[in-house]
């Protein structure tokens, strides 16, 4: 369950929140050690709302009092929210997402929150595929190796930060 939550991108990076998620999983787990789809979705909704609250706070801290963002500044906002790196707004797949403001000149806070989550999801998919292609192109490795490497990485990434520290 933790692996699925990590891959979704919604697993919190803060240890206290990770512990709360683990406790929630234990509470929702059935007696036979399984988790039904409805219980899984309760966890996913909880995590999505945590992420949205985090994004709302960032947006509130970096926007005008009405929490309105000019459509042309959304890319900069995504950088502030740590969704995009510098220069990433020029990627064709992201340009399409960023340009999808229905002709509006301004976006409200909730629109920006949803856009942040969509772009982050797109980036996760792209990054996962780049990692997969890298393993396959290195020669002598196949899909099962990639899965094994990813599992090993996650095993040692104790804090779920998607980076391995020197320790």
Protein backbone atom coordinates (compact mmCIF):
# COMPACT_ATOMS: atom_id res chain seq x y z
CA UNK A 1 0.00 0.00 0.00
CA UNK A 2 2.83 2.39 0.88
CA UNK A 3 4.47 1.72 -2.50
CA UNK A 4 1.26 2.58 -4.34
CA UNK A 5 0.83 5.75 -2.28
CA UNK A 6 4.44 6.76 -2.95
CA UNK A 7 4.04 6.21 -6.69
CA UNK A 8 0.91 8.36 -6.65
CA UNK A 9 3.03 11.31 -5.56
CA UNK A 10 0.72 12.13 -2.68
CA UNK A 11 2.72 10.47 0.10
CA UNK A 12 3.77 13.28 2.46
CA UNK A 13 7.48 14.08 2.75
CA UNK A 14 7.14 15.03 6.43
CA UNK A 15 7.78 12.11 8.78
CA UNK A 16 4.94 12.95 11.18
CA UNK A 17 2.44 12.94 8.30
CA UNK A 18 3.89 9.67 6.98
CA UNK A 19 3.32 8.14 10.40
CA UNK A 20 -0.28 9.39 10.38
CA UNK A 21 -0.82 7.78 6.96
CA UNK A 22 0.63 4.48 8.20
CA UNK A 23 -1.73 4.60 11.19
CA UNK A 24 -4.65 5.33 8.89
CA UNK A 25 -3.73 2.31 6.78
CA UNK A 26 -3.62 0.11 9.89
CA UNK A 27 -7.05 1.36 10.99
CA UNK A 28 -8.61 0.73 7.57
CA UNK A 29 -6.91 -2.64 7.01
CA UNK A 30 -9.26 -5.59 7.10
CA UNK A 31 -8.70 -8.44 9.55
CA UNK A 32 -7.30 -10.63 6.78
CA UNK A 33 -4.61 -8.04 6.03
CA UNK A 34 -6.19 -6.61 2.88
CA UNK A 35 -7.39 -3.17 1.96
CA UNK A 36 -10.52 -2.73 -0.12
CA UNK A 37 -10.87 -0.17 -2.89
CA UNK A 38 -13.15 2.10 -0.85
CA UNK A 39 -10.67 2.14 2.03
CA UNK A 40 -7.85 2.80 -0.40
CA UNK A 41 -9.79 5.72 -1.86
CA UNK A 42 -10.37 7.15 1.64
CA UNK A 43 -6.60 7.25 2.05
CA UNK A 44 -6.07 8.73 -1.41
CA UNK A 45 -8.69 11.43 -0.81
CA UNK A 46 -7.09 12.27 2.53
CA UNK A 47 -3.64 12.55 0.90
CA UNK A 48 -4.96 14.58 -2.03
CA UNK A 49 -6.57 17.04 0.38
CA UNK A 50 -3.36 17.29 2.41
CA UNK A 51 -1.52 18.14 -0.79
CA UNK A 52 -4.18 20.65 -1.81
CA UNK A 53 -3.97 22.33 1.61
CA UNK A 54 -0.19 22.59 1.22
CA UNK A 55 -0.58 24.12 -2.25
CA UNK A 56 -3.29 26.54 -1.06
CA UNK A 57 -0.96 27.81 1.65
CA UNK A 58 1.86 28.38 -0.85
CA UNK A 59 -0.51 30.14 -3.23
CA UNK A 60 -1.95 32.31 -0.43
CA UNK A 61 1.57 33.28 0.63
CA UNK A 62 2.57 34.27 -2.91
CA UNK A 63 -0.54 35.87 -4.41
CA UNK A 64 -2.70 38.92 -3.93
CA UNK A 65 -5.39 38.99 -1.25
CA UNK A 66 -7.94 37.48 -3.63
CA UNK A 67 -5.66 34.52 -4.42
CA UNK A 68 -5.99 35.24 -8.12
CA UNK A 69 -3.12 34.38 -10.45
CA UNK A 70 -2.62 35.83 -13.91
CA UNK A 71 -2.71 32.99 -16.45
CA UNK A 72 0.64 34.09 -17.86
CA UNK A 73 2.22 33.76 -14.37
CA UNK A 74 1.05 30.20 -13.67
CA UNK A 75 4.40 28.75 -14.74
CA UNK A 76 6.18 30.94 -12.17
CA UNK A 77 3.67 29.82 -9.54
CA UNK A 78 4.40 26.19 -10.32
CA UNK A 79 8.07 26.87 -9.67
CA UNK A 80 7.21 28.53 -6.33
CA UNK A 81 5.12 25.46 -5.41
CA UNK A 82 8.12 23.23 -6.23
CA UNK A 83 6.20 21.54 -9.02
CA UNK A 84 8.38 22.79 -11.88
CA UNK A 85 12.06 23.47 -12.23
CA UNK A 86 13.52 26.41 -14.10
CA UNK A 87 12.87 26.27 -17.85
CA UNK A 88 10.40 23.41 -17.64
CA UNK A 89 7.48 25.56 -18.79
CA UNK A 90 8.84 25.25 -22.33
CA UNK A 91 8.26 21.50 -22.50
CA UNK A 92 5.52 20.82 -25.10
CA UNK A 93 3.54 18.46 -22.85
CA UNK A 94 3.53 21.02 -20.02
CA UNK A 95 2.91 23.98 -22.32
CA UNK A 96 -0.37 22.35 -23.32
CA UNK A 97 -1.40 21.92 -19.68
CA UNK A 98 -0.33 25.43 -18.72
CA UNK A 99 -2.05 27.00 -21.70
CA UNK A 100 -5.36 25.32 -20.87
CA UNK A 101 -6.98 28.22 -19.01
CA UNK A 102 -10.08 28.33 -21.24
CA UNK A 103 -9.08 31.76 -22.53
CA UNK A 104 -9.28 33.27 -19.06
CA UNK A 105 -6.72 35.90 -18.15
CA UNK A 106 -6.76 34.99 -14.46
CA UNK A 107 -7.05 31.75 -12.53
CA UNK A 108 -8.50 31.35 -9.06
CA UNK A 109 -6.71 29.56 -6.27
CA UNK A 110 -8.54 26.25 -6.75
CA UNK A 111 -7.77 26.28 -10.49
CA UNK A 112 -4.08 26.72 -9.71
CA UNK A 113 -4.19 23.96 -7.07
CA UNK A 114 -5.73 21.51 -9.54
CA UNK A 115 -3.29 22.57 -12.25
CA UNK A 116 -0.35 22.04 -9.86
CA UNK A 117 -1.54 18.51 -9.15
CA UNK A 118 -2.09 17.72 -12.84
CA UNK A 119 1.34 18.98 -13.83
CA UNK A 120 2.98 17.10 -10.93
CA UNK A 121 1.22 13.89 -12.04
CA UNK A 122 2.38 14.42 -15.64
CA UNK A 123 5.94 14.98 -14.45
CA UNK A 124 5.86 11.80 -12.34
CA UNK A 125 4.72 9.74 -15.32
CA UNK A 126 7.37 11.30 -17.53
CA UNK A 127 10.13 10.80 -14.95
CA UNK A 128 9.12 7.19 -14.36
CA UNK A 129 9.24 6.50 -18.11
CA UNK A 130 12.64 8.23 -18.44
CA UNK A 131 14.02 6.08 -15.63
CA UNK A 132 12.60 2.96 -17.29
CA UNK A 133 14.07 3.89 -20.67
CA UNK A 134 17.44 4.60 -19.08
CA UNK A 135 17.58 1.13 -17.53
CA UNK A 136 16.49 -0.55 -20.76
CA UNK A 137 18.97 1.43 -22.88
CA UNK A 138 21.91 0.58 -20.60
CA UNK A 139 22.10 -2.86 -22.20
CA UNK A 140 21.63 -6.24 -20.60
CA UNK A 141 18.75 -5.11 -18.42
CA UNK A 142 15.05 -5.62 -18.95
CA UNK A 143 11.71 -4.55 -17.50
CA UNK A 144 11.97 -6.90 -14.51
CA UNK A 145 15.37 -5.41 -13.67
CA UNK A 146 13.83 -1.95 -13.71
CA UNK A 147 11.08 -3.06 -11.31
CA UNK A 148 13.70 -4.67 -9.06
CA UNK A 149 15.87 -1.53 -9.08
CA UNK A 150 12.88 0.68 -8.30
CA UNK A 151 11.87 -1.54 -5.37
CA UNK A 152 15.42 -1.52 -4.04
CA UNK A 153 15.57 2.25 -4.32
CA UNK A 154 12.31 2.61 -2.40
CA UNK A 155 13.51 0.17 0.24
CA UNK A 156 16.52 2.36 1.03
CA UNK A 157 14.69 5.66 0.65
CA UNK A 158 13.48 5.58 4.25
CA UNK A 159 12.20 9.15 4.34
CA UNK A 160 10.36 8.77 0.99
CA UNK A 161 12.09 11.86 -0.40
CA UNK A 162 12.89 10.18 -3.74
CA UNK A 163 16.62 10.66 -3.10
CA UNK A 164 19.12 8.44 -1.34
CA UNK A 165 21.21 10.18 1.29
CA UNK A 166 24.82 9.26 1.84
CA UNK A 167 23.97 7.18 4.95
